[in-house]
C-alpha cells in the first residue's frame, strides 16, 4: 500500500468520525449524514482498491480512473457551493427581516 493511500484512509476515517460526531449532536441532518457517509466511504474504497476507480471510469467511457474521480469531485464541489449559496441567501433574508423588525420597534 502506498503512502498516499494510507494518508487518504486516515483522513477519511477522521472526517467520517467528525460526521458521526456532528450527527449525534444534531448539527447535521440525516440526509447530510448519508451524503458525507457515501463520500468518505468511497474515498476509503478507492484508497484500498485503486482499480475500482478504473472500473468506474471504464463504465462511463473515461480513459483513466483518476479522471473520473476529478470529474466527480468537481461536480460535488459545484453542488456544495450551490448549497452554501442557497443557505447564505436565506440567512441574508432572515437578517434583513430581523433588522427591519428591530428598526420598527425603535421608532
N, C-alpha and C. Protein backbone atom coordinates (compact mmCIF):
# COMPACT_ATOMS: atom_id res chain seq x y z
N UNK A 1 0.86 -1.18 0.00
CA UNK A 1 0.00 0.00 0.00
C UNK A 1 0.91 1.24 0.00
N UNK A 2 0.56 2.18 -0.85
CA UNK A 2 1.35 3.40 -0.97
C UNK A 2 1.02 4.38 0.14
N UNK A 3 1.94 5.30 0.38
CA UNK A 3 1.77 6.28 1.46
C UNK A 3 0.55 7.17 1.22
N UNK A 4 0.27 7.51 -0.04
CA UNK A 4 -0.89 8.36 -0.32
C UNK A 4 -2.19 7.64 0.04
N UNK A 5 -2.22 6.33 -0.17
CA UNK A 5 -3.41 5.56 0.20
C UNK A 5 -3.61 5.57 1.71
N UNK A 6 -2.54 5.43 2.45
CA UNK A 6 -2.64 5.46 3.91
C UNK A 6 -3.12 6.83 4.38
N UNK A 7 -2.57 7.89 3.79
CA UNK A 7 -2.99 9.25 4.15
C UNK A 7 -4.47 9.45 3.84
N UNK A 8 -4.90 8.97 2.68
CA UNK A 8 -6.32 9.10 2.30
C UNK A 8 -7.22 8.37 3.28
N UNK A 9 -6.83 7.17 3.69
CA UNK A 9 -7.65 6.38 4.60
C UNK A 9 -7.71 7.05 5.97
N UNK A 10 -6.58 7.50 6.48
CA UNK A 10 -6.56 8.17 7.80
C UNK A 10 -7.41 9.44 7.76
N UNK A 11 -7.25 10.23 6.71
CA UNK A 11 -8.04 11.46 6.59
C UNK A 11 -9.53 11.15 6.51
N UNK A 12 -9.89 10.16 5.68
CA UNK A 12 -11.30 9.80 5.52
C UNK A 12 -11.89 9.28 6.83
N UNK A 13 -11.14 8.49 7.58
CA UNK A 13 -11.64 8.00 8.86
C UNK A 13 -11.82 9.15 9.85
N UNK A 14 -10.88 10.08 9.86
CA UNK A 14 -11.00 11.25 10.72
C UNK A 14 -12.24 12.07 10.34
N UNK A 15 -12.41 12.32 9.06
CA UNK A 15 -13.55 13.11 8.59
C UNK A 15 -14.87 12.38 8.87
N UNK A 16 -14.89 11.07 8.68
CA UNK A 16 -16.11 10.30 8.93
C UNK A 16 -16.45 10.31 10.42
N UNK A 17 -15.43 10.25 11.28
CA UNK A 17 -15.67 10.34 12.72
C UNK A 17 -16.27 11.70 13.07
N UNK A 18 -15.82 12.76 12.40
CA UNK A 18 -16.37 14.09 12.63
C UNK A 18 -17.83 14.15 12.19
N UNK A 19 -18.15 13.48 11.09
CA UNK A 19 -19.54 13.44 10.61
C UNK A 19 -20.42 12.72 11.63
N UNK A 20 -19.96 11.59 12.13
CA UNK A 20 -20.73 10.84 13.13
C UNK A 20 -20.92 11.68 14.39
N UNK A 21 -19.89 12.37 14.81
CA UNK A 21 -19.99 13.24 15.99
C UNK A 21 -21.03 14.33 15.78
N UNK A 22 -21.03 14.94 14.61
CA UNK A 22 -21.98 16.03 14.33
C UNK A 22 -23.42 15.53 14.24
N UNK A 23 -23.62 14.34 13.70
CA UNK A 23 -24.98 13.81 13.61
C UNK A 23 -25.50 13.45 15.00
N UNK A 24 -24.62 12.97 15.87
CA UNK A 24 -25.03 12.66 17.24
C UNK A 24 -25.40 13.92 18.02
N UNK A 25 -24.72 15.02 17.73
CA UNK A 25 -25.01 16.30 18.39
C UNK A 25 -26.20 17.00 17.75
N UNK A 26 -26.70 16.46 16.63
CA UNK A 26 -27.84 17.07 15.96
C UNK A 26 -27.47 18.27 15.11
N UNK A 27 -26.21 18.39 14.75
CA UNK A 27 -25.76 19.54 13.97
C UNK A 27 -25.96 19.36 12.47
N UNK A 28 -26.13 18.13 12.01
CA UNK A 28 -26.39 17.89 10.60
C UNK A 28 -27.60 16.96 10.47
N UNK A 29 -28.26 17.05 9.34
CA UNK A 29 -29.45 16.23 9.11
C UNK A 29 -29.05 14.82 8.68
N UNK A 30 -30.04 13.93 8.66
CA UNK A 30 -29.78 12.56 8.21
C UNK A 30 -29.38 12.51 6.74
N UNK A 31 -29.96 13.40 5.94
CA UNK A 31 -29.60 13.47 4.53
C UNK A 31 -28.14 13.88 4.35
N UNK A 32 -27.71 14.86 5.13
CA UNK A 32 -26.31 15.28 5.07
C UNK A 32 -25.39 14.16 5.56
N UNK A 33 -25.84 13.44 6.59
CA UNK A 33 -25.07 12.31 7.10
C UNK A 33 -24.91 11.24 6.02
N UNK A 34 -25.96 10.95 5.30
CA UNK A 34 -25.88 9.94 4.23
C UNK A 34 -24.94 10.41 3.13
N UNK A 35 -25.05 11.67 2.73
CA UNK A 35 -24.18 12.22 1.68
C UNK A 35 -22.72 12.09 2.08
N UNK A 36 -22.37 12.57 3.28
CA UNK A 36 -20.97 12.54 3.71
C UNK A 36 -20.50 11.11 3.98
N UNK A 37 -21.40 10.24 4.40
CA UNK A 37 -21.02 8.83 4.58
C UNK A 37 -20.61 8.23 3.25
N UNK A 38 -21.39 8.49 2.22
CA UNK A 38 -21.07 7.98 0.88
C UNK A 38 -19.73 8.53 0.41
N UNK A 39 -19.51 9.82 0.62
CA UNK A 39 -18.26 10.44 0.18
C UNK A 39 -17.06 9.79 0.86
N UNK A 40 -17.08 9.70 2.18
CA UNK A 40 -15.90 9.22 2.90
C UNK A 40 -15.71 7.71 2.75
N UNK A 41 -16.78 6.96 2.64
CA UNK A 41 -16.64 5.53 2.39
C UNK A 41 -16.08 5.30 0.99
N UNK A 42 -16.51 6.10 0.03
CA UNK A 42 -15.98 5.99 -1.34
C UNK A 42 -14.49 6.30 -1.36
N UNK A 43 -14.06 7.29 -0.61
CA UNK A 43 -12.63 7.62 -0.53
C UNK A 43 -11.84 6.43 0.02
N UNK A 44 -12.37 5.80 1.05
CA UNK A 44 -11.69 4.64 1.64
C UNK A 44 -11.63 3.48 0.65
N UNK A 45 -12.74 3.23 -0.05
CA UNK A 45 -12.77 2.13 -1.03
C UNK A 45 -11.76 2.39 -2.14
N UNK A 46 -11.72 3.59 -2.66
CA UNK A 46 -10.78 3.91 -3.74
C UNK A 46 -9.33 3.82 -3.25
N UNK A 47 -9.09 4.20 -2.00
CA UNK A 47 -7.73 4.10 -1.45
C UNK A 47 -7.31 2.64 -1.27
N UNK A 48 -8.25 1.81 -0.86
CA UNK A 48 -7.95 0.40 -0.65
C UNK A 48 -7.89 -0.39 -1.96
N UNK A 49 -8.78 -0.04 -2.90
CA UNK A 49 -8.89 -0.76 -4.18
C UNK A 49 -8.79 0.25 -5.32
N UNK A 50 -7.58 0.67 -5.69
CA UNK A 50 -7.43 1.69 -6.74
C UNK A 50 -8.03 1.26 -8.09
N UNK A 51 -8.08 -0.02 -8.35
CA UNK A 51 -8.65 -0.48 -9.62
C UNK A 51 -10.15 -0.21 -9.70
N UNK A 52 -10.79 0.03 -8.56
CA UNK A 52 -12.22 0.33 -8.54
C UNK A 52 -12.51 1.61 -9.32
N UNK A 53 -11.64 2.61 -9.16
CA UNK A 53 -11.81 3.87 -9.89
C UNK A 53 -11.67 3.63 -11.39
N UNK A 54 -10.75 2.75 -11.79
CA UNK A 54 -10.58 2.44 -13.21
C UNK A 54 -11.81 1.74 -13.77
N UNK A 55 -12.43 0.88 -12.96
CA UNK A 55 -13.65 0.20 -13.41
C UNK A 55 -14.79 1.20 -13.61
N UNK A 56 -14.91 2.14 -12.70
CA UNK A 56 -15.94 3.18 -12.84
C UNK A 56 -15.67 4.01 -14.08
N UNK A 57 -14.40 4.36 -14.30
CA UNK A 57 -14.03 5.13 -15.49
C UNK A 57 -14.38 4.38 -16.76
N UNK A 58 -14.08 3.10 -16.80
CA UNK A 58 -14.42 2.30 -17.99
C UNK A 58 -15.92 2.25 -18.21
N UNK A 59 -16.69 2.15 -17.14
CA UNK A 59 -18.14 2.11 -17.26
C UNK A 59 -18.68 3.38 -17.91
N UNK A 60 -18.10 4.53 -17.56
CA UNK A 60 -18.53 5.81 -18.11
C UNK A 60 -17.80 6.19 -19.39
N UNK A 61 -16.89 5.36 -19.83
CA UNK A 61 -16.16 5.64 -21.06
C UNK A 61 -15.08 6.69 -20.91
N UNK A 62 -14.55 6.80 -19.70
CA UNK A 62 -13.49 7.76 -19.42
C UNK A 62 -12.18 6.98 -19.36
N UNK A 63 -11.11 7.60 -19.86
CA UNK A 63 -9.83 6.90 -20.01
C UNK A 63 -9.20 6.40 -18.73
N UNK A 64 -9.08 7.25 -17.72
CA UNK A 64 -8.37 6.87 -16.51
C UNK A 64 -9.25 7.00 -15.27
N UNK A 65 -8.92 6.22 -14.26
CA UNK A 65 -9.66 6.27 -13.01
C UNK A 65 -9.53 7.60 -12.30
N UNK A 66 -8.35 8.20 -12.40
CA UNK A 66 -8.12 9.50 -11.77
C UNK A 66 -9.02 10.56 -12.40
N UNK A 67 -9.21 10.48 -13.70
CA UNK A 67 -10.06 11.46 -14.39
C UNK A 67 -11.49 11.41 -13.87
N UNK A 68 -12.04 10.21 -13.72
CA UNK A 68 -13.42 10.10 -13.24
C UNK A 68 -13.53 10.63 -11.81
N UNK A 69 -12.50 10.42 -11.00
CA UNK A 69 -12.52 10.96 -9.64
C UNK A 69 -12.50 12.49 -9.65
N UNK A 70 -11.73 13.05 -10.55
CA UNK A 70 -11.67 14.52 -10.66
C UNK A 70 -13.03 15.05 -11.13
N UNK A 71 -13.64 14.41 -12.11
CA UNK A 71 -14.96 14.86 -12.60
C UNK A 71 -16.00 14.80 -11.49
N UNK A 72 -16.01 13.69 -10.76
CA UNK A 72 -16.98 13.55 -9.67
C UNK A 72 -16.71 14.59 -8.58
N UNK A 73 -15.44 14.83 -8.28
CA UNK A 73 -15.09 15.83 -7.27
C UNK A 73 -15.55 17.22 -7.67
N UNK A 74 -15.36 17.57 -8.93
CA UNK A 74 -15.78 18.89 -9.41
C UNK A 74 -17.30 19.03 -9.32
N UNK A 75 -18.02 17.98 -9.72
CA UNK A 75 -19.48 18.02 -9.61
C UNK A 75 -19.92 18.16 -8.15
N UNK A 76 -19.28 17.43 -7.25
CA UNK A 76 -19.62 17.52 -5.83
C UNK A 76 -19.34 18.92 -5.30
N UNK A 77 -18.22 19.52 -5.71
CA UNK A 77 -17.89 20.87 -5.26
C UNK A 77 -18.91 21.89 -5.76
N UNK A 78 -19.33 21.77 -7.02
CA UNK A 78 -20.36 22.68 -7.53
C UNK A 78 -21.65 22.53 -6.74
N UNK A 79 -22.02 21.29 -6.43
CA UNK A 79 -23.23 21.05 -5.65
C UNK A 79 -23.11 21.68 -4.27
N UNK A 80 -21.97 21.49 -3.62
CA UNK A 80 -21.78 22.05 -2.29
C UNK A 80 -21.75 23.57 -2.31
N UNK A 81 -21.14 24.15 -3.31
CA UNK A 81 -21.14 25.61 -3.45
C UNK A 81 -22.56 26.13 -3.63
N UNK A 82 -23.35 25.43 -4.43
CA UNK A 82 -24.76 25.81 -4.61
C UNK A 82 -25.50 25.78 -3.28
N UNK A 83 -25.30 24.71 -2.50
CA UNK A 83 -25.97 24.59 -1.20
C UNK A 83 -25.56 25.74 -0.27
N UNK A 84 -24.28 26.08 -0.26
CA UNK A 84 -23.81 27.18 0.58
C UNK A 84 -24.42 28.49 0.11
N UNK A 85 -24.50 28.69 -1.20
CA UNK A 85 -25.09 29.91 -1.76
C UNK A 85 -26.55 30.04 -1.33
N UNK A 86 -27.31 28.96 -1.43
CA UNK A 86 -28.72 29.00 -1.06
C UNK A 86 -28.88 29.32 0.43
N UNK A 87 -28.06 28.69 1.26
CA UNK A 87 -28.13 28.95 2.71
C UNK A 87 -27.73 30.39 3.02
N UNK A 88 -26.76 30.91 2.33
CA UNK A 88 -26.32 32.28 2.54
C UNK A 88 -27.42 33.26 2.15
N UNK A 89 -28.07 33.02 1.04
CA UNK A 89 -29.18 33.89 0.62
C UNK A 89 -30.30 33.86 1.65
N UNK A 90 -30.62 32.68 2.15
CA UNK A 90 -31.68 32.56 3.16
C UNK A 90 -31.29 33.31 4.43
N UNK A 91 -30.05 33.18 4.83
CA UNK A 91 -29.55 33.88 6.02
C UNK A 91 -29.62 35.39 5.84
N UNK A 92 -29.24 35.88 4.67
CA UNK A 92 -29.32 37.32 4.40
C UNK A 92 -30.76 37.82 4.49
N UNK A 93 -31.71 37.03 3.97
CA UNK A 93 -33.11 37.43 4.05
C UNK A 93 -33.59 37.47 5.50
N UNK A 94 -33.18 36.49 6.29
CA UNK A 94 -33.58 36.46 7.69
C UNK A 94 -32.98 37.64 8.46
N UNK A 95 -31.75 37.97 8.17
CA UNK A 95 -31.11 39.12 8.83
C UNK A 95 -31.82 40.41 8.45
N UNK A 96 -32.17 40.56 7.18
CA UNK A 96 -32.88 41.75 6.72
C UNK A 96 -34.22 41.88 7.44
N UNK A 97 -34.96 40.77 7.55
CA UNK A 97 -36.25 40.81 8.24
C UNK A 97 -36.08 41.17 9.71
N UNK A 98 -35.05 40.63 10.34
CA UNK A 98 -34.80 40.92 11.74
C UNK A 98 -34.44 42.39 11.95
N UNK A 99 -33.60 42.93 11.09
CA UNK A 99 -33.21 44.33 11.20
C UNK A 99 -34.42 45.23 11.00
N UNK A 100 -35.30 44.89 10.06
CA UNK A 100 -36.50 45.69 9.84
C UNK A 100 -37.40 45.69 11.07
N UNK A 101 -37.57 44.51 11.69
CA UNK A 101 -38.40 44.42 12.89
C UNK A 101 -37.81 45.25 14.02
N UNK A 102 -36.50 45.16 14.19
CA UNK A 102 -35.84 45.91 15.25
C UNK A 102 -35.93 47.43 14.98
N UNK A 103 -35.82 47.82 13.72
CA UNK A 103 -35.92 49.24 13.38
C UNK A 103 -37.32 49.77 13.66
N UNK A 104 -38.34 48.95 13.39
CA UNK A 104 -39.73 49.37 13.65
C UNK A 104 -39.98 49.50 15.15
N UNK A 105 -39.38 48.64 15.94
CA UNK A 105 -39.59 48.71 17.40
C UNK A 105 -38.93 49.95 18.00
N UNK A 106 -37.82 50.40 17.41
CA UNK A 106 -37.12 51.57 17.95
C UNK A 106 -37.87 52.87 17.70
N UNK A 107 -38.72 52.89 16.68
CA UNK A 107 -39.44 54.13 16.32
C UNK A 107 -40.49 54.47 17.31
